[in-house]
Every structure is written in structure tokens, then in C-alpha cells.
Amino acid sequence: MSTKLAVGYQKAMDHVKFNKMKRKYKIIIIVIISAILICNLPPITYFLQEEYHYQNRDGSFQFSEQAGPTQGFDVAKYKFERFKIKNPNNPNKTLFRTFTLKPWRFWEWWQMLKHFERFKLPYYSKVG
């Protein structure tokens, strides 16, 4: 009878340890998810946002985004369309991004979702 009691006690203790470990992992996951969400809030991303730069192949059109709504990606698209209208003989009619993708920068995930089109642009390495 005492062996059954000892086995039962051991099972109970294992269950308690398992629940403590499970709770610990839940807390860690909640903290990580909270940090990712907080870092993607607009006031925080304003300070952490990378500079996004665009150009055409020969560099005759260049645009750098600035934080805030007045110099964002939509403005870059608009200005590039205006550039193409004003320069119909320019053969470089493709807009390139000159920044690399950095998926490990979790504080920019919201930008990657919100302006997915920005990250789909072909990459052009700025030389010099």
C-alpha cells in the first residue's frame, strides 16, 4: 500500500511541476507577444522606423521616406508617377527599393503588413 501511495504522490508532484513549467512558458509567450505588439504601435514605430529610399535604375528619380504621413510610401508612388509623366523619354520607368528586407526586425512587421507593396518592389543595390 505504501508503494501505491508513493507512486501516487510522485505522479501528483510531477503534475504540479508540469503545471508550473507550463505556466512559465505561457508567461514567456505572453511577454514576447506583448513586446512585439507594443513595438508595432505607431508612437513606437515612429522612432524605430528604418529610412526607406527609392530610385529608378539611373538615379534620375530618388525619394526617401520620412516619418509621418506627409512623406510616406503613398507620396513616393505619387511623385514617381509625376516623374514619369514629366520625363516621358526616360527609359528607366521602374521604381526600385534600395533597402534590404529585414524580417527579424519585429518592430517593422506592421509596416510590412500595411505597406506590403513597398516590400514587393524590386531591390536595387545603391553603389557609392
N, C-alpha and C. Protein backbone atom coordinates (compact mmCIF):
# COMPACT_ATOMS: atom_id res chain seq x y z
N MET A 1 0.82 -1.20 0.00
CA MET A 1 0.00 0.00 0.00
C MET A 1 0.86 1.25 0.00
N SER A 2 1.97 1.22 0.70
CA SER A 2 2.83 2.41 0.76
C SER A 2 3.49 2.70 -0.59
N THR A 3 3.74 1.64 -1.38
CA THR A 3 4.31 1.87 -2.72
C THR A 3 3.28 2.56 -3.61
N LYS A 4 2.03 2.16 -3.50
CA LYS A 4 0.98 2.81 -4.29
C LYS A 4 0.87 4.27 -3.88
N LEU A 5 0.98 4.52 -2.61
CA LEU A 5 0.90 5.88 -2.10
C LEU A 5 2.08 6.71 -2.60
N ALA A 6 3.27 6.11 -2.58
CA ALA A 6 4.46 6.81 -3.06
C ALA A 6 4.36 7.10 -4.56
N VAL A 7 3.85 6.12 -5.32
CA VAL A 7 3.68 6.32 -6.76
C VAL A 7 2.65 7.41 -7.01
N GLY A 8 1.57 7.40 -6.27
CA GLY A 8 0.53 8.43 -6.41
C GLY A 8 1.06 9.80 -6.05
N TYR A 9 1.84 9.86 -4.97
CA TYR A 9 2.44 11.12 -4.56
C TYR A 9 3.40 11.64 -5.64
N GLN A 10 4.21 10.73 -6.20
CA GLN A 10 5.16 11.11 -7.25
C GLN A 10 4.43 11.63 -8.49
N LYS A 11 3.33 10.97 -8.87
CA LYS A 11 2.54 11.43 -10.01
C LYS A 11 1.97 12.82 -9.76
N ALA A 12 1.51 13.03 -8.53
CA ALA A 12 0.95 14.33 -8.17
C ALA A 12 2.03 15.41 -8.24
N MET A 13 3.22 15.11 -7.75
CA MET A 13 4.32 16.08 -7.79
C MET A 13 4.76 16.36 -9.23
N ASP A 14 4.81 15.32 -10.05
CA ASP A 14 5.14 15.51 -11.46
C ASP A 14 4.13 16.41 -12.15
N HIS A 15 2.86 16.21 -11.82
CA HIS A 15 1.77 17.03 -12.38
C HIS A 15 1.94 18.49 -11.96
N VAL A 16 2.29 18.72 -10.71
CA VAL A 16 2.49 20.09 -10.21
C VAL A 16 3.67 20.73 -10.94
N LYS A 17 4.78 19.99 -11.07
CA LYS A 17 5.95 20.51 -11.78
C LYS A 17 5.60 20.83 -13.23
N PHE A 18 4.84 19.93 -13.87
CA PHE A 18 4.44 20.14 -15.25
C PHE A 18 3.59 21.40 -15.38
N ASN A 19 2.65 21.60 -14.44
CA ASN A 19 1.80 22.79 -14.49
C ASN A 19 2.61 24.07 -14.28
N LYS A 20 3.60 24.02 -13.37
CA LYS A 20 4.45 25.20 -13.15
C LYS A 20 5.25 25.52 -14.40
N MET A 21 5.79 24.48 -15.04
CA MET A 21 6.57 24.68 -16.26
C MET A 21 5.66 25.21 -17.38
N LYS A 22 4.48 24.67 -17.47
CA LYS A 22 3.52 25.09 -18.49
C LYS A 22 3.15 26.57 -18.27
N ARG A 23 2.95 26.94 -17.03
CA ARG A 23 2.60 28.32 -16.68
C ARG A 23 3.76 29.26 -17.03
N LYS A 24 4.98 28.81 -16.74
CA LYS A 24 6.17 29.60 -17.04
C LYS A 24 6.27 29.87 -18.54
N TYR A 25 6.04 28.85 -19.36
CA TYR A 25 6.10 29.03 -20.81
C TYR A 25 4.98 29.94 -21.31
N LYS A 26 3.81 29.84 -20.71
CA LYS A 26 2.71 30.73 -21.10
C LYS A 26 3.08 32.18 -20.83
N ILE A 27 3.68 32.42 -19.67
CA ILE A 27 4.08 33.79 -19.32
C ILE A 27 5.13 34.30 -20.30
N ILE A 28 6.10 33.48 -20.63
CA ILE A 28 7.16 33.88 -21.58
C ILE A 28 6.55 34.20 -22.94
N ILE A 29 5.63 33.37 -23.40
CA ILE A 29 4.99 33.61 -24.70
C ILE A 29 4.17 34.89 -24.67
N ILE A 30 3.45 35.13 -23.59
CA ILE A 30 2.65 36.35 -23.47
C ILE A 30 3.55 37.58 -23.47
N VAL A 31 4.67 37.51 -22.77
CA VAL A 31 5.60 38.64 -22.73
C VAL A 31 6.17 38.92 -24.13
N ILE A 32 6.55 37.88 -24.84
CA ILE A 32 7.11 38.05 -26.19
C ILE A 32 6.07 38.65 -27.14
N ILE A 33 4.86 38.11 -27.11
CA ILE A 33 3.80 38.64 -27.98
C ILE A 33 3.48 40.08 -27.62
N SER A 34 3.43 40.40 -26.33
CA SER A 34 3.16 41.77 -25.90
C SER A 34 4.24 42.72 -26.38
N ALA A 35 5.51 42.30 -26.29
CA ALA A 35 6.61 43.15 -26.75
C ALA A 35 6.50 43.42 -28.25
N ILE A 36 6.16 42.39 -29.01
CA ILE A 36 6.01 42.56 -30.46
C ILE A 36 4.87 43.52 -30.76
N LEU A 37 3.74 43.36 -30.09
CA LEU A 37 2.60 44.24 -30.33
C LEU A 37 2.90 45.68 -29.93
N ILE A 38 3.52 45.86 -28.78
CA ILE A 38 3.83 47.22 -28.31
C ILE A 38 4.82 47.90 -29.25
N CYS A 39 5.81 47.16 -29.71
CA CYS A 39 6.82 47.75 -30.61
C CYS A 39 6.24 48.10 -31.97
N ASN A 40 5.09 47.57 -32.32
CA ASN A 40 4.47 47.87 -33.61
C ASN A 40 3.41 48.96 -33.51
N LEU A 41 3.24 49.56 -32.33
CA LEU A 41 2.30 50.67 -32.19
C LEU A 41 2.89 51.92 -32.83
N PRO A 42 2.05 52.74 -33.45
CA PRO A 42 2.55 53.92 -34.18
C PRO A 42 3.51 54.82 -33.41
N PRO A 43 3.26 55.16 -32.13
CA PRO A 43 4.23 56.05 -31.47
C PRO A 43 5.63 55.42 -31.35
N ILE A 44 5.69 54.12 -31.18
CA ILE A 44 6.98 53.45 -31.05
C ILE A 44 7.65 53.31 -32.42
N THR A 45 6.87 52.90 -33.43
CA THR A 45 7.46 52.70 -34.76
C THR A 45 7.98 54.01 -35.35
N TYR A 46 7.40 55.13 -34.90
CA TYR A 46 7.86 56.44 -35.38
C TYR A 46 9.36 56.61 -35.11
N PHE A 47 9.82 56.15 -33.95
CA PHE A 47 11.22 56.31 -33.57
C PHE A 47 12.11 55.17 -34.07
N LEU A 48 11.52 54.00 -34.34
CA LEU A 48 12.31 52.84 -34.73
C LEU A 48 12.31 52.57 -36.23
N GLN A 49 11.53 53.33 -36.98
CA GLN A 49 11.36 53.04 -38.40
C GLN A 49 12.63 53.28 -39.19
N GLU A 50 12.93 52.36 -40.06
CA GLU A 50 14.08 52.47 -40.94
C GLU A 50 13.79 53.53 -42.00
N GLU A 51 14.84 54.10 -42.55
CA GLU A 51 14.65 55.03 -43.66
C GLU A 51 14.47 54.22 -44.93
N TYR A 52 13.38 54.44 -45.61
CA TYR A 52 13.10 53.75 -46.86
C TYR A 52 13.44 54.68 -48.02
N HIS A 53 14.28 54.20 -48.89
CA HIS A 53 14.72 55.02 -50.02
C HIS A 53 14.38 54.28 -51.32
N TYR A 54 13.98 55.06 -52.32
CA TYR A 54 13.58 54.52 -53.62
C TYR A 54 14.30 55.28 -54.72
N GLN A 55 14.49 54.61 -55.84
CA GLN A 55 15.04 55.29 -57.01
C GLN A 55 14.76 54.46 -58.25
N ASN A 56 14.93 55.09 -59.40
CA ASN A 56 14.88 54.32 -60.63
C ASN A 56 16.31 53.87 -60.94
N ARG A 57 16.50 53.12 -62.01
CA ARG A 57 17.81 52.49 -62.26
C ARG A 57 18.95 53.50 -62.40
N ASP A 58 18.73 54.59 -63.12
CA ASP A 58 19.84 55.54 -63.33
C ASP A 58 19.93 56.61 -62.24
N GLY A 59 19.03 56.58 -61.27
CA GLY A 59 19.09 57.54 -60.17
C GLY A 59 18.54 58.91 -60.50
N SER A 60 17.90 59.06 -61.66
CA SER A 60 17.33 60.36 -62.01
C SER A 60 16.10 60.66 -61.16
N PHE A 61 15.51 59.64 -60.57
CA PHE A 61 14.44 59.84 -59.59
C PHE A 61 14.90 59.19 -58.29
N GLN A 62 14.81 59.95 -57.21
CA GLN A 62 15.13 59.42 -55.88
C GLN A 62 14.15 59.99 -54.88
N PHE A 63 13.80 59.17 -53.92
CA PHE A 63 12.88 59.61 -52.87
C PHE A 63 13.21 58.86 -51.59
N SER A 64 13.26 59.58 -50.49
CA SER A 64 13.44 58.96 -49.17
C SER A 64 12.23 59.28 -48.32
N GLU A 65 11.65 58.24 -47.77
CA GLU A 65 10.52 58.45 -46.87
C GLU A 65 11.01 59.09 -45.58
N GLN A 66 10.13 59.88 -45.00
CA GLN A 66 10.38 60.44 -43.68
C GLN A 66 9.21 60.06 -42.80
N ALA A 67 9.46 60.00 -41.50
CA ALA A 67 8.40 59.63 -40.57
C ALA A 67 7.26 60.63 -40.66
N GLY A 68 6.07 60.13 -40.52
CA GLY A 68 4.89 60.97 -40.60
C GLY A 68 4.14 60.73 -41.90
N PRO A 69 2.93 61.26 -41.99
CA PRO A 69 2.08 60.97 -43.15
C PRO A 69 2.40 61.80 -44.39
N THR A 70 3.20 62.86 -44.27
CA THR A 70 3.40 63.75 -45.42
C THR A 70 4.49 63.29 -46.37
N GLN A 71 5.34 62.38 -45.97
CA GLN A 71 6.42 61.92 -46.85
C GLN A 71 6.52 60.40 -46.82
N GLY A 72 5.38 59.72 -46.89
CA GLY A 72 5.34 58.26 -46.80
C GLY A 72 5.38 57.59 -48.16
N PHE A 73 5.06 56.31 -48.15
CA PHE A 73 5.13 55.49 -49.35
C PHE A 73 4.14 55.96 -50.42
N ASP A 74 2.96 56.37 -50.01
CA ASP A 74 1.97 56.86 -50.98
C ASP A 74 2.50 58.09 -51.72
N VAL A 75 3.22 58.94 -51.01
CA VAL A 75 3.80 60.13 -51.64
C VAL A 75 4.89 59.71 -52.63
N ALA A 76 5.67 58.70 -52.27
CA ALA A 76 6.72 58.20 -53.17
C ALA A 76 6.10 57.71 -54.48
N LYS A 77 5.03 56.93 -54.37
CA LYS A 77 4.36 56.43 -55.58
C LYS A 77 3.83 57.59 -56.43
N TYR A 78 3.20 58.55 -55.77
CA TYR A 78 2.64 59.70 -56.48
C TYR A 78 3.74 60.49 -57.20
N LYS A 79 4.83 60.77 -56.49
CA LYS A 79 5.91 61.54 -57.10
C LYS A 79 6.58 60.78 -58.24
N PHE A 80 6.66 59.46 -58.13
CA PHE A 80 7.27 58.70 -59.22
C PHE A 80 6.36 58.73 -60.45
N GLU A 81 5.06 58.65 -60.26
CA GLU A 81 4.14 58.76 -61.40
C GLU A 81 4.27 60.12 -62.06
N ARG A 82 4.38 61.16 -61.25
CA ARG A 82 4.56 62.52 -61.81
C ARG A 82 5.89 62.62 -62.56
N PHE A 83 6.93 61.98 -62.02
CA PHE A 83 8.24 61.97 -62.68
C PHE A 83 8.14 61.32 -64.06
N LYS A 84 7.42 60.21 -64.14
CA LYS A 84 7.28 59.52 -65.43
C LYS A 84 6.51 60.37 -66.44
N ILE A 85 5.52 61.11 -65.97
CA ILE A 85 4.76 61.99 -66.87
C ILE A 85 5.63 63.14 -67.37
N LYS A 86 6.42 63.73 -66.47
CA LYS A 86 7.28 64.86 -66.83
C LYS A 86 8.49 64.44 -67.66
N ASN A 87 8.88 63.17 -67.57
CA ASN A 87 10.05 62.67 -68.29
C ASN A 87 9.67 61.46 -69.15
N PRO A 88 8.86 61.67 -70.17
CA PRO A 88 8.38 60.53 -70.96
C PRO A 88 9.49 59.82 -71.75
N ASN A 89 10.61 60.51 -72.00
CA ASN A 89 11.69 59.89 -72.77
C ASN A 89 12.68 59.11 -71.90
N ASN A 90 12.53 59.19 -70.60
CA ASN A 90 13.43 58.47 -69.70
C ASN A 90 13.08 56.99 -69.75
N PRO A 91 14.01 56.13 -70.12
CA PRO A 91 13.70 54.70 -70.25
C PRO A 91 13.60 53.96 -68.92
N ASN A 92 14.01 54.59 -67.83
CA ASN A 92 14.01 53.95 -66.51
C ASN A 92 12.69 54.20 -65.81
N LYS A 93 11.71 53.38 -66.13
CA LYS A 93 10.37 53.60 -65.61
C LYS A 93 9.98 52.60 -64.51
N THR A 94 10.98 51.96 -63.90
CA THR A 94 10.72 51.02 -62.81
C THR A 94 11.23 51.63 -61.52
N LEU A 95 10.39 51.61 -60.50
CA LEU A 95 10.77 52.11 -59.18
C LEU A 95 11.39 50.95 -58.39
N PHE A 96 12.56 51.20 -57.81
CA PHE A 96 13.26 50.20 -57.02
C PHE A 96 13.33 50.64 -55.56
N ARG A 97 13.40 49.67 -54.68
CA ARG A 97 13.71 49.97 -53.28
C ARG A 97 15.21 49.75 -53.13
N THR A 98 15.85 50.59 -52.33
CA THR A 98 17.29 50.43 -52.12
C THR A 98 17.57 49.93 -50.70
N PHE A 99 16.57 49.52 -50.00
CA PHE A 99 16.74 48.97 -48.66
C PHE A 99 16.49 47.47 -48.71
N THR A 100 17.19 46.74 -47.88
CA THR A 100 17.02 45.29 -47.85
C THR A 100 15.90 44.92 -46.89
N LEU A 101 15.35 43.74 -47.08
CA LEU A 101 14.31 43.25 -46.18
C LEU A 101 14.97 42.69 -44.93
N LYS A 102 14.41 43.02 -43.79
CA LYS A 102 14.95 42.56 -42.52
C LYS A 102 13.80 42.00 -41.67
N PRO A 103 13.40 40.76 -41.93
CA PRO A 103 12.24 40.20 -41.23
C PRO A 103 12.46 40.01 -39.73
N TRP A 104 13.72 39.98 -39.27
CA TRP A 104 13.97 39.82 -37.84
C TRP A 104 13.66 41.11 -37.06
N ARG A 105 13.47 42.21 -37.76
CA ARG A 105 13.12 43.47 -37.08
C ARG A 105 11.61 43.48 -36.84
N PHE A 106 11.22 42.82 -35.77
CA PHE A 106 9.80 42.61 -35.49
C PHE A 106 9.05 43.92 -35.28
N TRP A 107 9.74 44.99 -34.94
CA TRP A 107 9.06 46.27 -34.75
C TRP A 107 8.64 46.88 -36.08
N GLU A 108 9.04 46.29 -37.21
CA GLU A 108 8.62 46.78 -38.52
C GLU A 108 7.60 45.86 -39.18
N TRP A 109 7.15 44.84 -38.48
CA TRP A 109 6.19 43.90 -39.07
C TRP A 109 4.91 44.62 -39.48
N TRP A 110 4.47 45.61 -38.70
CA TRP A 110 3.26 46.33 -39.06
C TRP A 110 3.45 47.04 -40.40
N GLN A 111 4.63 47.62 -40.61
CA GLN A 111 4.90 48.27 -41.89
C GLN A 111 4.87 47.26 -43.03
N MET A 112 5.40 46.07 -42.76
CA MET A 112 5.41 45.04 -43.80
C MET A 112 4.00 44.59 -44.16
N LEU A 113 3.11 44.62 -43.21
CA LEU A 113 1.72 44.26 -43.48
C LEU A 113 0.96 45.42 -44.10
N LYS A 114 1.15 46.61 -43.56
CA LYS A 114 0.39 47.78 -44.00
C LYS A 114 0.80 48.22 -45.42
N HIS A 115 2.09 48.21 -45.68
CA HIS A 115 2.60 48.66 -46.98
C HIS A 115 3.35 47.52 -47.66
N PHE A 116 2.66 46.43 -47.85
CA PHE A 116 3.28 45.24 -48.45
C PHE A 116 3.83 45.56 -49.83
N GLU A 117 3.17 46.46 -50.54
CA GLU A 117 3.59 46.84 -51.89
C GLU A 117 5.01 47.44 -51.88
N ARG A 118 5.35 48.14 -50.81
CA ARG A 118 6.68 48.74 -50.67
C ARG A 118 7.76 47.66 -50.69
N PHE A 119 7.48 46.55 -50.05
CA PHE A 119 8.47 45.49 -49.93
C PHE A 119 8.47 44.55 -51.14
N LYS A 120 7.46 44.68 -51.99
CA LYS A 120 7.42 43.88 -53.23
C LYS A 120 8.20 44.53 -54.36
N LEU A 121 8.57 45.78 -54.20
CA LEU A 121 9.35 46.46 -55.24
C LEU A 121 10.66 45.71 -55.46
N PRO A 122 11.16 45.70 -56.69
CA PRO A 122 12.45 45.04 -56.92
C PRO A 122 13.57 45.78 -56.17
N TYR A 123 14.53 45.02 -55.73
CA TYR A 123 15.66 45.58 -54.98
C TYR A 123 16.75 46.06 -55.93
N TYR A 124 17.28 47.24 -55.66
CA TYR A 124 18.40 47.76 -56.42
C TYR A 124 19.45 48.22 -55.43
N SER A 125 20.62 47.67 -55.52
CA SER A 125 21.70 47.99 -54.59
C SER A 125 22.30 49.34 -54.96
N LYS A 126 22.27 50.25 -54.00
CA LYS A 126 22.88 51.55 -54.21
C LYS A 126 24.39 51.39 -54.17
N VAL A 127 25.06 51.80 -55.20
CA VAL A 127 26.51 51.72 -55.24
C VAL A 127 27.06 53.13 -55.11
N GLY A 128 27.92 53.31 -54.13
CA GLY A 128 28.54 54.61 -53.93
C GLY A 128 27.84 55.49 -53.03
